[in-house]
Amino acid sequence: MTIPLTTTTIVNPAFLLWIIVILVPVTLITTYTMTDELHPDSQIIPFISSSINNAPESCIGSYGLSIASFIMVIVTLIKYLIIKDNIINYEGEINQESKMKFNKFIASMGIISAFSLNGVASFQYRNASVPHLIFAALFFICGFIFILTQTIIDDQISNNPNRIKNIRKILICICCLFIPYVILQFMENPIAKNISAIFEITSASCIFIYMVSFFFEFSKVNLNIEFSNHNFGKI
């Protein structure tokens, strides 16, 4: 009798959040520093786009933010599975089919936002302004919808502490700054542009921090990864 040789590895997904915590700030601090040294701008506070506009900082920005983008997709999918499990095991009366569809919509917004970050990093404004602006718009709009709807469904079916819920609601409110950021960036006034850059950095940070706040849920789950060997063992 032969059976496949299978090994199971247990992984806690919280390590993905640590990568975001380290990778995103290190990448942006590096690009901002290099931009200030190599390609100084008349604007006191540059936009994120300006910090990844020229080589070599654009190369570093594309590399770091692209990795962060794909990790954010994985984080979104894991959160989707956690919510799906919460819906299935919810003891109260809910419309499971409706909640499942809502959960899929939330996950789609998170995935679009994450992949759009990759687009922002890959298409520099000076080389491809239209794709860059489209991806930037998708990142902020879909990212905001993601954190808003994720908070709504968490409040309905998850047993998260009030502290976590309140932090996430504060992040949502601050993330609304992406709206005046969009308006102010097209004004010629230097003060308006600097304020717009502050709003851009702040609202983008809120989306990253919101995902990092999944530490509470991720620390309680493990991923079981099975590896099957094509060479069969004998009994």
C-alpha atoms as a PDB file:
ATOM      1  CA  MET A   1       0.000   0.000   0.000  1.00  0.00           C
ATOM      2  CA  THR A   2       1.338   3.442  -0.899  1.00  0.00           C
ATOM      3  CA  ILE A   3       0.421   6.844   0.549  1.00  0.00           C
ATOM      4  CA  PRO A   4       1.641  10.334  -0.358  1.00  0.00           C
ATOM      5  CA  LEU A   5       4.248  11.813   1.946  1.00  0.00           C
ATOM      6  CA  THR A   6       2.767  15.030   3.367  1.00  0.00           C
ATOM      7  CA  THR A   7       4.243  17.532   5.788  1.00  0.00           C
ATOM      8  CA  THR A   8       2.285  20.330   7.425  1.00  0.00           C
ATOM      9  CA  THR A   9       3.805  23.666   8.387  1.00  0.00           C
ATOM     10  CA  ILE A  10       1.962  25.953  10.809  1.00  0.00           C
ATOM     11  CA  VAL A  11       2.491  29.668  10.191  1.00  0.00           C
ATOM     12  CA  ASN A  12       1.160  32.620  12.157  1.00  0.00           C
ATOM     13  CA  PRO A  13       0.208  35.321   9.600  1.00  0.00           C
ATOM     14  CA  ALA A  14       1.106  38.173  11.974  1.00  0.00           C
ATOM     15  CA  PHE A  15       4.633  38.175  10.507  1.00  0.00           C
ATOM     16  CA  LEU A  16       3.154  39.664   7.303  1.00  0.00           C
ATOM     17  CA  LEU A  17       2.036  42.705   9.265  1.00  0.00           C
ATOM     18  CA  TRP A  18       5.533  43.124  10.672  1.00  0.00           C
ATOM     19  CA  ILE A  19       6.848  43.277   7.116  1.00  0.00           C
ATOM     20  CA  ILE A  20       4.425  46.127   6.330  1.00  0.00           C
ATOM     21  CA  VAL A  21       5.401  47.903   9.562  1.00  0.00           C
ATOM     22  CA  ILE A  22       9.074  47.826   8.599  1.00  0.00           C
ATOM     23  CA  LEU A  23       9.073  47.879   4.799  1.00  0.00           C
ATOM     24  CA  VAL A  24       6.752  50.818   4.034  1.00  0.00           C
ATOM     25  CA  PRO A  25       8.339  53.382   6.403  1.00  0.00           C
ATOM     26  CA  VAL A  26      11.899  52.322   5.495  1.00  0.00           C
ATOM     27  CA  THR A  27      11.110  52.579   1.773  1.00  0.00           C
ATOM     28  CA  LEU A  28       9.500  56.024   1.990  1.00  0.00           C
ATOM     29  CA  ILE A  29      12.059  57.461   4.407  1.00  0.00           C
ATOM     30  CA  THR A  30      14.787  56.311   2.013  1.00  0.00           C
ATOM     31  CA  THR A  31      13.108  57.770  -1.076  1.00  0.00           C
ATOM     32  CA  TYR A  32      12.304  61.068   0.654  1.00  0.00           C
ATOM     33  CA  THR A  33      15.883  61.388   1.916  1.00  0.00           C
ATOM     34  CA  MET A  34      17.404  60.594  -1.470  1.00  0.00           C
ATOM     35  CA  THR A  35      15.026  62.973  -3.246  1.00  0.00           C
ATOM     36  CA  ASP A  36      16.001  65.776  -0.896  1.00  0.00           C
ATOM     37  CA  GLU A  37      19.687  65.126  -1.594  1.00  0.00           C
ATOM     38  CA  LEU A  38      19.649  64.282  -5.309  1.00  0.00           C
ATOM     39  CA  HIS A  39      16.563  66.023  -6.696  1.00  0.00           C
ATOM     40  CA  PRO A  40      15.644  68.877  -4.330  1.00  0.00           C
ATOM     41  CA  ASP A  41      12.190  70.368  -4.822  1.00  0.00           C
ATOM     42  CA  SER A  42      10.998  73.908  -4.183  1.00  0.00           C
ATOM     43  CA  GLN A  43       8.096  72.381  -2.264  1.00  0.00           C
ATOM     44  CA  ILE A  44       8.882  72.084   1.459  1.00  0.00           C
ATOM     45  CA  ILE A  45       6.938  68.835   1.881  1.00  0.00           C
ATOM     46  CA  PRO A  46       7.043  66.750  -1.331  1.00  0.00           C
ATOM     47  CA  PHE A  47       4.236  64.458  -2.416  1.00  0.00           C
ATOM     48  CA  ILE A  48       4.822  60.724  -2.197  1.00  0.00           C
ATOM     49  CA  SER A  49       4.798  60.722  -5.999  1.00  0.00           C
ATOM     50  CA  SER A  50       7.644  63.245  -6.038  1.00  0.00           C
ATOM     51  CA  SER A  51       9.760  61.029  -3.790  1.00  0.00           C
ATOM     52  CA  ILE A  52       9.596  58.166  -6.303  1.00  0.00           C
ATOM     53  CA  ASN A  53       9.707  60.269  -9.470  1.00  0.00           C
ATOM     54  CA  ASN A  54      13.395  60.036 -10.394  1.00  0.00           C
ATOM     55  CA  ALA A  55      16.020  57.304 -10.393  1.00  0.00           C
ATOM     56  CA  PRO A  56      17.530  55.889  -8.258  1.00  0.00           C
ATOM     57  CA  GLU A  57      14.865  56.625  -5.620  1.00  0.00           C
ATOM     58  CA  SER A  58      12.123  55.553  -8.048  1.00  0.00           C
ATOM     59  CA  CYS A  59      13.782  52.123  -8.287  1.00  0.00           C
ATOM     60  CA  ILE A  60      13.833  51.757  -4.501  1.00  0.00           C
ATOM     61  CA  GLY A  61      10.244  52.985  -4.236  1.00  0.00           C
ATOM     62  CA  SER A  62       9.008  50.576  -6.915  1.00  0.00           C
ATOM     63  CA  TYR A  63      10.827  47.652  -5.300  1.00  0.00           C
ATOM     64  CA  GLY A  64       9.707  48.299  -1.712  1.00  0.00           C
ATOM     65  CA  LEU A  65       6.126  49.373  -2.395  1.00  0.00           C
ATOM     66  CA  SER A  66       5.534  46.544  -4.875  1.00  0.00           C
ATOM     67  CA  ILE A  67       6.494  43.983  -2.233  1.00  0.00           C
ATOM     68  CA  ALA A  68       4.241  45.772   0.276  1.00  0.00           C
ATOM     69  CA  SER A  69       1.438  45.726  -2.298  1.00  0.00           C
ATOM     70  CA  PHE A  70       1.487  41.949  -2.712  1.00  0.00           C
ATOM     71  CA  ILE A  71       1.695  41.422   1.048  1.00  0.00           C
ATOM     72  CA  MET A  72      -1.361  43.663   1.470  1.00  0.00           C
ATOM     73  CA  VAL A  73      -3.244  41.433  -0.990  1.00  0.00           C
ATOM     74  CA  ILE A  74      -2.387  38.360   1.105  1.00  0.00           C
ATOM     75  CA  VAL A  75      -3.371  40.182   4.316  1.00  0.00           C
ATOM     76  CA  THR A  76      -6.710  41.148   2.753  1.00  0.00           C
ATOM     77  CA  LEU A  77      -7.409  37.542   1.754  1.00  0.00           C
ATOM     78  CA  ILE A  78      -6.553  36.233   5.237  1.00  0.00           C
ATOM     79  CA  LYS A  79      -8.844  38.828   6.804  1.00  0.00           C
ATOM     80  CA  TYR A  80     -11.548  37.762   4.337  1.00  0.00           C
ATOM     81  CA  LEU A  81     -11.217  34.142   5.510  1.00  0.00           C
ATOM     82  CA  ILE A  82     -11.370  35.205   9.177  1.00  0.00           C
ATOM     83  CA  ILE A  83     -14.582  37.157   8.569  1.00  0.00           C
ATOM     84  CA  LYS A  84     -16.001  34.250   6.544  1.00  0.00           C
ATOM     85  CA  ASP A  85     -15.387  31.926   9.495  1.00  0.00           C
ATOM     86  CA  ASN A  86     -16.993  34.457  11.863  1.00  0.00           C
ATOM     87  CA  ILE A  87     -20.089  34.591   9.656  1.00  0.00           C
ATOM     88  CA  ILE A  88     -20.412  30.795   9.540  1.00  0.00           C
ATOM     89  CA  ASN A  89     -20.015  30.445  13.309  1.00  0.00           C
ATOM     90  CA  TYR A  90     -22.047  33.515  14.321  1.00  0.00           C
ATOM     91  CA  GLU A  91     -24.578  32.511  16.967  1.00  0.00           C
ATOM     92  CA  GLY A  92     -27.033  35.356  16.443  1.00  0.00           C
ATOM     93  CA  GLU A  93     -29.545  35.827  13.655  1.00  0.00           C
ATOM     94  CA  ILE A  94     -27.970  37.177  10.463  1.00  0.00           C
ATOM     95  CA  ASN A  95     -28.477  36.805   6.743  1.00  0.00           C
ATOM     96  CA  GLN A  96     -25.439  34.647   5.984  1.00  0.00           C
ATOM     97  CA  GLU A  97     -25.754  34.929   2.214  1.00  0.00           C
ATOM     98  CA  SER A  98     -25.897  38.724   2.370  1.00  0.00           C
ATOM     99  CA  LYS A  99     -22.932  38.919   4.751  1.00  0.00           C
ATOM    100  CA  MET A 100     -20.889  36.573   2.552  1.00  0.00           C
ATOM    101  CA  LYS A 101     -21.482  38.797  -0.479  1.00  0.00           C
ATOM    102  CA  PHE A 102     -20.611  41.884   1.563  1.00  0.00           C
ATOM    103  CA  ASN A 103     -17.408  40.203   2.729  1.00  0.00           C
ATOM    104  CA  LYS A 104     -16.427  39.436  -0.885  1.00  0.00           C
ATOM    105  CA  PHE A 105     -17.061  43.063  -1.838  1.00  0.00           C
ATOM    106  CA  ILE A 106     -14.851  44.261   1.034  1.00  0.00           C
ATOM    107  CA  ALA A 107     -12.052  41.910   0.007  1.00  0.00           C
ATOM    108  CA  SER A 108     -12.279  43.076  -3.619  1.00  0.00           C
ATOM    109  CA  MET A 109     -11.868  46.709  -2.514  1.00  0.00           C
ATOM    110  CA  GLY A 110      -8.804  45.811  -0.457  1.00  0.00           C
ATOM    111  CA  ILE A 111      -7.242  43.849  -3.319  1.00  0.00           C
ATOM    112  CA  ILE A 112      -7.859  46.632  -5.861  1.00  0.00           C
ATOM    113  CA  SER A 113      -6.366  49.196  -3.476  1.00  0.00           C
ATOM    114  CA  ALA A 114      -3.309  47.022  -2.816  1.00  0.00           C
ATOM    115  CA  PHE A 115      -2.612  46.325  -6.481  1.00  0.00           C
ATOM    116  CA  SER A 116      -3.128  50.024  -7.244  1.00  0.00           C
ATOM    117  CA  LEU A 117      -0.267  50.804  -4.873  1.00  0.00           C
ATOM    118  CA  ASN A 118       1.873  48.645  -7.140  1.00  0.00           C
ATOM    119  CA  GLY A 119       0.642  50.720 -10.087  1.00  0.00           C
ATOM    120  CA  VAL A 120       1.517  53.990  -8.338  1.00  0.00           C
ATOM    121  CA  ALA A 121       5.042  52.752  -7.675  1.00  0.00           C
ATOM    122  CA  SER A 122       5.526  51.273 -11.163  1.00  0.00           C
ATOM    123  CA  PHE A 123       4.275  54.230 -13.227  1.00  0.00           C
ATOM    124  CA  GLN A 124       6.142  57.353 -12.105  1.00  0.00           C
ATOM    125  CA  TYR A 125       4.300  60.636 -12.596  1.00  0.00           C
ATOM    126  CA  ARG A 126       7.026  62.158 -14.782  1.00  0.00           C
ATOM    127  CA  ASN A 127       6.993  59.152 -17.141  1.00  0.00           C
ATOM    128  CA  ALA A 128       3.313  58.155 -17.209  1.00  0.00           C
ATOM    129  CA  SER A 129       1.175  60.746 -15.427  1.00  0.00           C
ATOM    130  CA  VAL A 130      -2.259  59.404 -16.471  1.00  0.00           C
ATOM    131  CA  PRO A 131      -1.765  55.775 -15.292  1.00  0.00           C
ATOM    132  CA  HIS A 132      -0.069  57.102 -12.148  1.00  0.00           C
ATOM    133  CA  LEU A 133      -3.054  59.326 -11.277  1.00  0.00           C
ATOM    134  CA  ILE A 134      -5.561  56.568 -12.061  1.00  0.00           C
ATOM    135  CA  PHE A 135      -3.775  54.090  -9.797  1.00  0.00           C
ATOM    136  CA  ALA A 136      -3.415  56.744  -7.073  1.00  0.00           C
ATOM    137  CA  ALA A 137      -7.158  57.440  -7.223  1.00  0.00           C
ATOM    138  CA  LEU A 138      -7.958  53.718  -7.013  1.00  0.00           C
ATOM    139  CA  PHE A 139      -5.574  53.259  -4.093  1.00  0.00           C
ATOM    140  CA  PHE A 140      -7.193  55.996  -2.014  1.00  0.00           C
ATOM    141  CA  ILE A 141     -10.842  55.498  -3.017  1.00  0.00           C
ATOM    142  CA  CYS A 142     -10.873  51.693  -2.802  1.00  0.00           C
ATOM    143  CA  GLY A 143      -8.636  51.800   0.280  1.00  0.00           C
ATOM    144  CA  PHE A 144     -11.060  54.130   2.042  1.00  0.00           C
ATOM    145  CA  ILE A 145     -14.058  51.977   1.066  1.00  0.00           C
ATOM    146  CA  PHE A 146     -12.166  48.906   2.297  1.00  0.00           C
ATOM    147  CA  ILE A 147     -11.385  50.245   5.774  1.00  0.00           C
ATOM    148  CA  LEU A 148     -14.900  51.725   6.124  1.00  0.00           C
ATOM    149  CA  THR A 149     -16.796  48.583   5.120  1.00  0.00           C
ATOM    150  CA  GLN A 150     -14.362  46.335   6.997  1.00  0.00           C
ATOM    151  CA  THR A 151     -15.129  48.268  10.174  1.00  0.00           C
ATOM    152  CA  ILE A 152     -18.875  47.966   9.544  1.00  0.00           C
ATOM    153  CA  ILE A 153     -18.829  44.180   9.194  1.00  0.00           C
ATOM    154  CA  ASP A 154     -16.390  43.792  12.115  1.00  0.00           C
ATOM    155  CA  ASP A 155     -18.773  45.739  14.341  1.00  0.00           C
ATOM    156  CA  GLN A 156     -21.597  43.421  13.347  1.00  0.00           C
ATOM    157  CA  ILE A 157     -20.037  39.971  13.720  1.00  0.00           C
ATOM    158  CA  SER A 158     -16.586  40.203  15.337  1.00  0.00           C
ATOM    159  CA  ASN A 159     -15.709  40.242  19.031  1.00  0.00           C
ATOM    160  CA  ASN A 160     -12.959  42.824  18.795  1.00  0.00           C
ATOM    161  CA  PRO A 161     -12.215  44.978  21.870  1.00  0.00           C
ATOM    162  CA  ASN A 162     -13.680  48.480  21.897  1.00  0.00           C
ATOM    163  CA  ARG A 163     -10.137  49.883  21.905  1.00  0.00           C
ATOM    164  CA  ILE A 164      -9.429  48.268  18.519  1.00  0.00           C
ATOM    165  CA  LYS A 165     -12.787  49.382  17.124  1.00  0.00           C
ATOM    166  CA  ASN A 166     -12.254  52.970  18.248  1.00  0.00           C
ATOM    167  CA  ILE A 167      -8.731  53.144  16.811  1.00  0.00           C
ATOM    168  CA  ARG A 168     -10.014  51.932  13.451  1.00  0.00           C
ATOM    169  CA  LYS A 169     -12.854  54.458  13.448  1.00  0.00           C
ATOM    170  CA  ILE A 170     -10.386  57.258  14.172  1.00  0.00           C
ATOM    171  CA  LEU A 171      -8.231  56.057  11.269  1.00  0.00           C
ATOM    172  CA  ILE A 172     -11.271  56.176   8.974  1.00  0.00           C
ATOM    173  CA  CYS A 173     -12.013  59.771   9.981  1.00  0.00           C
ATOM    174  CA  ILE A 174      -8.407  60.853   9.420  1.00  0.00           C
ATOM    175  CA  CYS A 175      -8.260  59.001   6.093  1.00  0.00           C
ATOM    176  CA  CYS A 176     -11.025  61.335   4.823  1.00  0.00           C
ATOM    177  CA  LEU A 177      -8.213  63.872   4.355  1.00  0.00           C
ATOM    178  CA  PHE A 178      -7.590  62.293   0.950  1.00  0.00           C
ATOM    179  CA  ILE A 179     -10.559  64.345  -0.319  1.00  0.00           C
ATOM    180  CA  PRO A 180      -9.041  67.811   0.369  1.00  0.00           C
ATOM    181  CA  TYR A 181      -5.675  66.375  -0.727  1.00  0.00           C
ATOM    182  CA  VAL A 182      -7.099  65.748  -4.197  1.00  0.00           C
ATOM    183  CA  ILE A 183      -8.540  69.264  -4.392  1.00  0.00           C
ATOM    184  CA  LEU A 184      -5.549  71.175  -3.006  1.00  0.00           C
ATOM    185  CA  GLN A 185      -2.894  69.449  -5.119  1.00  0.00           C
ATOM    186  CA  PHE A 186      -4.160  71.180  -8.271  1.00  0.00           C
ATOM    187  CA  MET A 187      -3.849  74.664  -6.761  1.00  0.00           C
ATOM    188  CA  GLU A 188      -0.793  76.747  -7.631  1.00  0.00           C
ATOM    189  CA  ASN A 189      -0.508  78.224  -4.147  1.00  0.00           C
ATOM    190  CA  PRO A 190       2.665  76.761  -2.478  1.00  0.00           C
ATOM    191  CA  ILE A 191       0.979  76.623   0.926  1.00  0.00           C
ATOM    192  CA  ALA A 192      -1.955  74.672  -0.525  1.00  0.00           C
ATOM    193  CA  LYS A 193       0.419  72.196  -2.161  1.00  0.00           C
ATOM    194  CA  ASN A 194       2.337  71.627   1.087  1.00  0.00           C
ATOM    195  CA  ILE A 195      -0.903  71.092   2.991  1.00  0.00           C
ATOM    196  CA  SER A 196      -2.059  68.734   0.236  1.00  0.00           C
ATOM    197  CA  ALA A 197       1.159  66.703   0.589  1.00  0.00           C
ATOM    198  CA  ILE A 198       0.617  66.424   4.351  1.00  0.00           C
ATOM    199  CA  PHE A 199      -2.940  65.192   3.750  1.00  0.00           C
ATOM    200  CA  GLU A 200      -1.697  62.665   1.175  1.00  0.00           C
ATOM    201  CA  ILE A 201       0.931  61.213   3.502  1.00  0.00           C
ATOM    202  CA  THR A 202      -1.525  61.135   6.421  1.00  0.00           C
ATOM    203  CA  SER A 203      -4.370  59.450   4.542  1.00  0.00           C
ATOM    204  CA  ALA A 204      -2.042  56.864   2.965  1.00  0.00           C
ATOM    205  CA  SER A 205      -0.551  56.136   6.390  1.00  0.00           C
ATOM    206  CA  CYS A 206      -4.059  55.511   7.764  1.00  0.00           C
ATOM    207  CA  ILE A 207      -4.651  52.738   5.216  1.00  0.00           C
ATOM    208  CA  PHE A 208      -1.332  51.070   6.104  1.00  0.00           C
ATOM    209  CA  ILE A 209      -1.902  51.452   9.857  1.00  0.00           C
ATOM    210  CA  TYR A 210      -5.434  50.074   9.533  1.00  0.00           C
ATOM    211  CA  MET A 211      -4.079  46.869   8.002  1.00  0.00           C
ATOM    212  CA  VAL A 212      -1.425  46.645  10.692  1.00  0.00           C
ATOM    213  CA  SER A 213      -4.234  46.805  13.286  1.00  0.00           C
ATOM    214  CA  PHE A 214      -5.170  43.276  12.167  1.00  0.00           C
ATOM    215  CA  PHE A 215      -2.490  42.108  14.618  1.00  0.00           C
ATOM    216  CA  PHE A 216      -5.304  41.420  17.099  1.00  0.00           C
ATOM    217  CA  GLU A 217      -7.077  38.960  14.796  1.00  0.00           C
ATOM    218  CA  PHE A 218      -3.986  37.501  13.142  1.00  0.00           C
ATOM    219  CA  SER A 219      -2.314  36.664  16.449  1.00  0.00           C
ATOM    220  CA  LYS A 220      -5.189  34.275  17.198  1.00  0.00           C
ATOM    221  CA  VAL A 221      -5.063  32.242  13.985  1.00  0.00           C
ATOM    222  CA  ASN A 222      -2.571  29.927  12.306  1.00  0.00           C
ATOM    223  CA  LEU A 223      -2.233  28.941   8.669  1.00  0.00           C
ATOM    224  CA  ASN A 224      -1.691  25.236   7.993  1.00  0.00           C
ATOM    225  CA  ILE A 225       0.398  24.816   4.839  1.00  0.00           C
ATOM    226  CA  GLU A 226       0.605  21.269   3.507  1.00  0.00           C
ATOM    227  CA  PHE A 227       3.420  20.046   1.251  1.00  0.00           C
ATOM    228  CA  SER A 228       2.861  16.805  -0.635  1.00  0.00           C
ATOM    229  CA  ASN A 229       5.775  14.824  -1.995  1.00  0.00           C
ATOM    230  CA  HIS A 230       5.203  13.224  -5.391  1.00  0.00           C
ATOM    231  CA  ASN A 231       7.355  10.302  -4.253  1.00  0.00           C
ATOM    232  CA  PHE A 232       4.974   7.950  -2.482  1.00  0.00           C
ATOM    233  CA  GLY A 233       5.844   6.169   0.720  1.00  0.00           C
ATOM    234  CA  LYS A 234       5.060   2.472   1.257  1.00  0.00           C
ATOM    235  CA  ILE A 235       3.311   0.810   4.155  1.00  0.00           C
END
